[in-house]
Amino acid sequence: MSHDFNFTEGGYIPGNLNFDFSPPPTPPTSYSILKGISNNFVAIWADLDAGLNNGKMYIGSQGYFQVVKLDDQTIYDWYSVSQKGRGNETLDNNDIVDINVTGGI
């Protein structure tokens, strides 16, 4: 079963939405390319023109900020308190609460 979600900036979605990012119990199989061991994502953004197979997706999770290239599902950039990303900076701390993406990376 698939669901379409319409996420809009500043939009409100009533109630709780629970996303199951764990692998399905039967094929097709899935794999994880994200850094870290937590699947507790605090923020997910995407380029305005992103689609399933193009653009970039930005993910904030406990201790990591990551940029995923959607055309080949690879990590384009990532940051932690010890890992400098393409911007030659590290995270200030592990407690990411939100991200705000402006411009392009």
Protein backbone atom coordinates (compact mmCIF):
# COMPACT_ATOMS: atom_id res chain seq x y z
CA MET A 1 0.00 0.00 0.00
CA SER A 2 1.36 3.47 -0.81
CA HIS A 3 0.44 6.84 0.60
CA ASP A 4 0.90 10.29 -0.87
CA PHE A 5 1.77 13.01 1.61
CA ASN A 6 1.47 16.67 0.77
CA PHE A 7 4.01 18.45 2.94
CA THR A 8 3.83 22.21 2.61
CA GLU A 9 5.94 24.87 4.25
CA GLY A 10 4.24 26.01 7.42
CA GLY A 11 1.51 23.43 6.89
CA TYR A 12 -0.11 21.57 9.74
CA ILE A 13 -0.85 17.88 9.65
CA PRO A 14 -3.33 16.91 12.37
CA GLY A 15 -2.60 13.89 14.53
CA ASN A 16 0.48 11.73 14.43
CA LEU A 17 2.01 10.26 11.31
CA ASN A 18 4.20 7.25 11.94
CA PHE A 19 6.65 6.31 9.23
CA ASP A 20 8.15 2.83 9.19
CA PHE A 21 11.68 3.10 7.77
CA SER A 22 12.62 -0.45 8.67
CA PRO A 23 13.17 -2.98 5.89
CA PRO A 24 10.09 -4.86 4.70
CA PRO A 25 9.77 -8.39 6.06
CA THR A 26 9.79 -9.88 2.56
CA PRO A 27 11.39 -8.84 -0.75
CA PRO A 28 11.98 -6.30 -2.14
CA THR A 29 14.96 -5.76 0.12
CA SER A 30 16.13 -2.33 1.19
CA TYR A 31 19.43 -0.88 2.31
CA SER A 32 20.58 2.08 4.33
CA ILE A 33 23.03 4.69 3.09
CA LEU A 34 22.58 7.13 5.96
CA LYS A 35 25.31 7.70 8.54
CA GLY A 36 24.64 6.82 12.18
CA ILE A 37 22.45 4.19 13.76
CA SER A 38 19.31 6.17 14.55
CA ASN A 39 16.25 6.29 12.31
CA ASN A 40 14.83 9.14 14.41
CA PHE A 41 14.87 11.96 11.86
CA VAL A 42 14.33 15.45 13.27
CA ALA A 43 14.00 17.22 9.94
CA ILE A 44 13.81 16.30 6.27
CA TRP A 45 13.94 18.85 3.46
CA ALA A 46 14.32 18.55 -0.31
CA ASP A 47 15.20 20.88 -3.16
CA LEU A 48 12.13 22.65 -4.56
CA ASP A 49 12.60 20.86 -7.88
CA ALA A 50 13.49 17.48 -6.35
CA GLY A 51 11.76 14.31 -7.45
CA LEU A 52 12.23 10.63 -6.74
CA ASN A 53 15.17 10.52 -9.13
CA ASN A 54 16.63 14.02 -9.11
CA GLY A 55 17.72 16.79 -6.77
CA LYS A 56 18.91 16.55 -3.19
CA MET A 57 17.31 15.65 0.13
CA TYR A 58 18.60 17.07 3.44
CA ILE A 59 18.25 14.99 6.60
CA GLY A 60 18.87 15.95 10.22
CA SER A 61 19.11 13.14 12.77
CA GLN A 62 20.73 12.61 16.14
CA GLY A 63 24.30 13.80 15.64
CA TYR A 64 24.29 13.98 11.83
CA PHE A 65 23.32 16.30 8.99
CA GLN A 66 23.35 14.58 5.60
CA VAL A 67 22.71 15.48 1.99
CA VAL A 68 21.51 12.66 -0.27
CA LYS A 69 21.72 12.86 -4.07
CA LEU A 70 18.44 11.39 -5.23
CA ASP A 71 19.57 10.57 -8.77
CA ASP A 72 21.95 7.86 -7.56
CA GLN A 73 20.91 7.53 -3.87
CA THR A 74 24.36 8.39 -2.54
CA ILE A 75 25.57 10.59 0.30
CA TYR A 76 26.66 13.87 -1.30
CA ASP A 77 27.74 15.53 1.95
CA TRP A 78 27.55 14.89 5.68
CA TYR A 79 28.48 16.53 8.94
CA SER A 80 28.87 15.49 12.57
CA VAL A 81 30.70 16.98 15.55
CA SER A 82 33.89 15.30 14.30
CA GLN A 83 33.25 15.08 10.51
CA LYS A 84 33.81 18.21 8.43
CA GLY A 85 31.51 18.35 5.45
CA ARG A 86 32.03 20.07 2.10
CA GLY A 87 31.61 23.43 3.87
CA ASN A 88 34.72 22.60 5.96
CA GLU A 89 32.71 22.90 9.18
CA THR A 90 31.50 20.48 11.84
CA LEU A 91 28.26 20.46 13.80
CA ASP A 92 28.33 22.51 17.01
CA ASN A 93 26.72 19.66 18.98
CA ASN A 94 24.80 16.39 18.54
CA ASP A 95 21.40 17.83 19.43
CA ILE A 96 19.92 18.75 16.05
CA VAL A 97 16.42 20.17 16.49
CA ASP A 98 15.69 21.55 13.01
CA ILE A 99 17.34 22.45 9.71
CA ASN A 100 16.75 25.32 7.33
CA VAL A 101 18.04 24.85 3.81
CA THR A 102 18.60 27.95 1.71
CA GLY A 103 20.27 28.06 -1.63
CA GLY A 104 21.85 24.91 -2.98
CA ILE A 105 24.61 22.66 -1.85
